Amino acid sequence: MKNFVRPGKSVPVTAPALGVASGQAFAIDTLVGFAGFTAAQGEPVEMHIEGVFRVPGLGATVGAPVYFDAAAGAFALTDVGNIKCGVAVAPNEVRLTPGLG
């Protein structure tokens, strides 16, 4: 297929203000993911946007929608002011699905 670019489970982005640490969750607009490696502000970083990720302290019911609070840099179970980003597949695991926010 001529227009295929890549599988898309991760995408290259520019690290946001303050940079990111490897494994840190962050958002760019409504796109939520985890940093593949540590990068300073403005540097390229691979953002993993699809898959199942461990989120200690989430405490969700399996099947519950999961949101990301970009201001706090943390996952949440409420939608008020947060970005919908996936679904809980275990109490402390989220299945990220791009395009929900």
C-alpha atoms as a PDB file:
ATOM      1  CA  MET A   1       0.000   0.000   0.000  1.00  0.00           C
ATOM      2  CA  LYS A   2       1.565   3.288  -1.110  1.00  0.00           C
ATOM      3  CA  ASN A   3       0.230   5.490   1.686  1.00  0.00           C
ATOM      4  CA  PHE A   4       1.154   3.262   4.681  1.00  0.00           C
ATOM      5  CA  VAL A   5       3.674   5.018   6.967  1.00  0.00           C
ATOM      6  CA  ARG A   6       4.072   2.840  10.123  1.00  0.00           C
ATOM      7  CA  PRO A   7       2.047   0.640  12.524  1.00  0.00           C
ATOM      8  CA  GLY A   8       1.370   3.625  14.845  1.00  0.00           C
ATOM      9  CA  LYS A   9       1.693   2.123  18.324  1.00  0.00           C
ATOM     10  CA  SER A  10       4.151   4.940  18.947  1.00  0.00           C
ATOM     11  CA  VAL A  11       4.797   8.248  17.226  1.00  0.00           C
ATOM     12  CA  PRO A  12       7.721  10.652  17.206  1.00  0.00           C
ATOM     13  CA  VAL A  13       6.860  13.954  18.934  1.00  0.00           C
ATOM     14  CA  THR A  14       8.668  16.886  20.519  1.00  0.00           C
ATOM     15  CA  ALA A  15       9.064  16.712  24.305  1.00  0.00           C
ATOM     16  CA  PRO A  16       6.866  19.261  26.096  1.00  0.00           C
ATOM     17  CA  ALA A  17       7.927  21.961  28.562  1.00  0.00           C
ATOM     18  CA  LEU A  18      10.086  20.517  31.369  1.00  0.00           C
ATOM     19  CA  GLY A  19      10.835  17.471  29.200  1.00  0.00           C
ATOM     20  CA  VAL A  20       9.842  13.880  30.003  1.00  0.00           C
ATOM     21  CA  ALA A  21      11.387  10.910  31.777  1.00  0.00           C
ATOM     22  CA  SER A  22      11.348   7.415  30.327  1.00  0.00           C
ATOM     23  CA  GLY A  23       7.956   5.845  31.073  1.00  0.00           C
ATOM     24  CA  GLN A  24       6.362   9.153  32.063  1.00  0.00           C
ATOM     25  CA  ALA A  25       2.801   9.769  30.881  1.00  0.00           C
ATOM     26  CA  PHE A  26       2.162  13.050  29.090  1.00  0.00           C
ATOM     27  CA  ALA A  27      -0.257  14.660  26.662  1.00  0.00           C
ATOM     28  CA  ILE A  28       0.072  16.726  23.536  1.00  0.00           C
ATOM     29  CA  ASP A  29      -3.334  18.298  22.966  1.00  0.00           C
ATOM     30  CA  THR A  30      -5.667  15.241  23.179  1.00  0.00           C
ATOM     31  CA  LEU A  31      -2.980  12.652  22.402  1.00  0.00           C
ATOM     32  CA  VAL A  32      -1.951  10.757  25.570  1.00  0.00           C
ATOM     33  CA  GLY A  33       0.990   8.390  25.812  1.00  0.00           C
ATOM     34  CA  PHE A  34       4.168   7.346  27.579  1.00  0.00           C
ATOM     35  CA  ALA A  35       7.691   8.537  26.828  1.00  0.00           C
ATOM     36  CA  GLY A  36       9.850   5.796  25.339  1.00  0.00           C
ATOM     37  CA  PHE A  37      12.984   7.434  26.712  1.00  0.00           C
ATOM     38  CA  THR A  38      14.047  10.544  28.614  1.00  0.00           C
ATOM     39  CA  ALA A  39      14.098  13.764  26.586  1.00  0.00           C
ATOM     40  CA  ALA A  40      14.601  17.411  27.464  1.00  0.00           C
ATOM     41  CA  GLN A  41      12.109  20.091  26.410  1.00  0.00           C
ATOM     42  CA  GLY A  42      12.067  20.508  22.638  1.00  0.00           C
ATOM     43  CA  GLU A  43      13.957  17.279  21.928  1.00  0.00           C
ATOM     44  CA  PRO A  44      12.444  14.440  19.899  1.00  0.00           C
ATOM     45  CA  VAL A  45      10.899  11.590  21.902  1.00  0.00           C
ATOM     46  CA  GLU A  46       8.961   8.461  20.969  1.00  0.00           C
ATOM     47  CA  MET A  47       5.452   8.620  22.466  1.00  0.00           C
ATOM     48  CA  HIS A  48       3.823   5.206  22.999  1.00  0.00           C
ATOM     49  CA  ILE A  49       0.118   5.805  22.385  1.00  0.00           C
ATOM     50  CA  GLU A  50      -1.385   2.340  22.069  1.00  0.00           C
ATOM     51  CA  GLY A  51      -1.161  -0.742  24.270  1.00  0.00           C
ATOM     52  CA  VAL A  52      -1.621  -1.773  27.902  1.00  0.00           C
ATOM     53  CA  PHE A  53       0.349   0.182  30.504  1.00  0.00           C
ATOM     54  CA  ARG A  54       0.732  -0.161  34.275  1.00  0.00           C
ATOM     55  CA  VAL A  55      -0.588   2.862  36.212  1.00  0.00           C
ATOM     56  CA  PRO A  56       0.096   2.390  39.946  1.00  0.00           C
ATOM     57  CA  GLY A  57      -2.630   3.785  42.183  1.00  0.00           C
ATOM     58  CA  LEU A  58      -5.328   3.981  39.506  1.00  0.00           C
ATOM     59  CA  GLY A  59      -7.631   1.555  41.350  1.00  0.00           C
ATOM     60  CA  ALA A  60     -10.129   1.238  38.516  1.00  0.00           C
ATOM     61  CA  THR A  61     -12.823  -1.339  37.899  1.00  0.00           C
ATOM     62  CA  VAL A  62     -12.129  -3.443  34.817  1.00  0.00           C
ATOM     63  CA  GLY A  63     -13.932  -1.849  31.883  1.00  0.00           C
ATOM     64  CA  ALA A  64     -14.092   1.633  33.421  1.00  0.00           C
ATOM     65  CA  PRO A  65     -13.190   4.546  31.150  1.00  0.00           C
ATOM     66  CA  VAL A  66      -9.851   6.145  32.001  1.00  0.00           C
ATOM     67  CA  TYR A  67      -8.946   9.810  31.576  1.00  0.00           C
ATOM     68  CA  PHE A  68      -5.732  11.819  31.741  1.00  0.00           C
ATOM     69  CA  ASP A  69      -5.374  15.017  33.749  1.00  0.00           C
ATOM     70  CA  ALA A  70      -2.755  16.864  31.694  1.00  0.00           C
ATOM     71  CA  ALA A  71      -2.281  19.586  34.315  1.00  0.00           C
ATOM     72  CA  ALA A  72      -1.455  17.032  37.030  1.00  0.00           C
ATOM     73  CA  GLY A  73       0.256  14.567  34.688  1.00  0.00           C
ATOM     74  CA  ALA A  74      -1.849  11.773  36.153  1.00  0.00           C
ATOM     75  CA  PHE A  75      -4.551   9.329  35.151  1.00  0.00           C
ATOM     76  CA  ALA A  76      -8.054   9.794  36.555  1.00  0.00           C
ATOM     77  CA  LEU A  77     -11.430   8.092  36.609  1.00  0.00           C
ATOM     78  CA  THR A  78     -13.448  11.299  36.123  1.00  0.00           C
ATOM     79  CA  ASP A  79     -14.008  13.125  32.870  1.00  0.00           C
ATOM     80  CA  VAL A  80     -14.289  16.691  34.221  1.00  0.00           C
ATOM     81  CA  GLY A  81     -11.573  18.677  32.476  1.00  0.00           C
ATOM     82  CA  ASN A  82      -9.666  15.516  31.556  1.00  0.00           C
ATOM     83  CA  ILE A  83      -8.833  13.731  28.298  1.00  0.00           C
ATOM     84  CA  LYS A  84     -10.519  10.381  27.669  1.00  0.00           C
ATOM     85  CA  CYS A  85      -7.682   8.062  26.706  1.00  0.00           C
ATOM     86  CA  GLY A  86      -8.602   4.435  27.316  1.00  0.00           C
ATOM     87  CA  VAL A  87     -10.176   1.756  29.441  1.00  0.00           C
ATOM     88  CA  ALA A  88      -9.066  -0.109  32.561  1.00  0.00           C
ATOM     89  CA  VAL A  89      -8.135  -3.733  31.886  1.00  0.00           C
ATOM     90  CA  ALA A  90      -7.035  -4.370  35.489  1.00  0.00           C
ATOM     91  CA  PRO A  91      -7.242  -2.203  38.618  1.00  0.00           C
ATOM     92  CA  ASN A  92      -3.890  -0.565  37.848  1.00  0.00           C
ATOM     93  CA  GLU A  93      -3.600  -1.051  34.075  1.00  0.00           C
ATOM     94  CA  VAL A  94      -4.958   1.066  31.251  1.00  0.00           C
ATOM     95  CA  ARG A  95      -5.434   0.149  27.591  1.00  0.00           C
ATOM     96  CA  LEU A  96      -4.621   3.360  25.732  1.00  0.00           C
ATOM     97  CA  THR A  97      -6.635   3.993  22.599  1.00  0.00           C
ATOM     98  CA  PRO A  98      -5.717   7.066  20.557  1.00  0.00           C
ATOM     99  CA  GLY A  99      -8.473   9.324  19.291  1.00  0.00           C
ATOM    100  CA  LEU A 100     -10.870   9.100  22.240  1.00  0.00           C
ATOM    101  CA  GLY A 101     -10.122  12.580  23.622  1.00  0.00           C
END
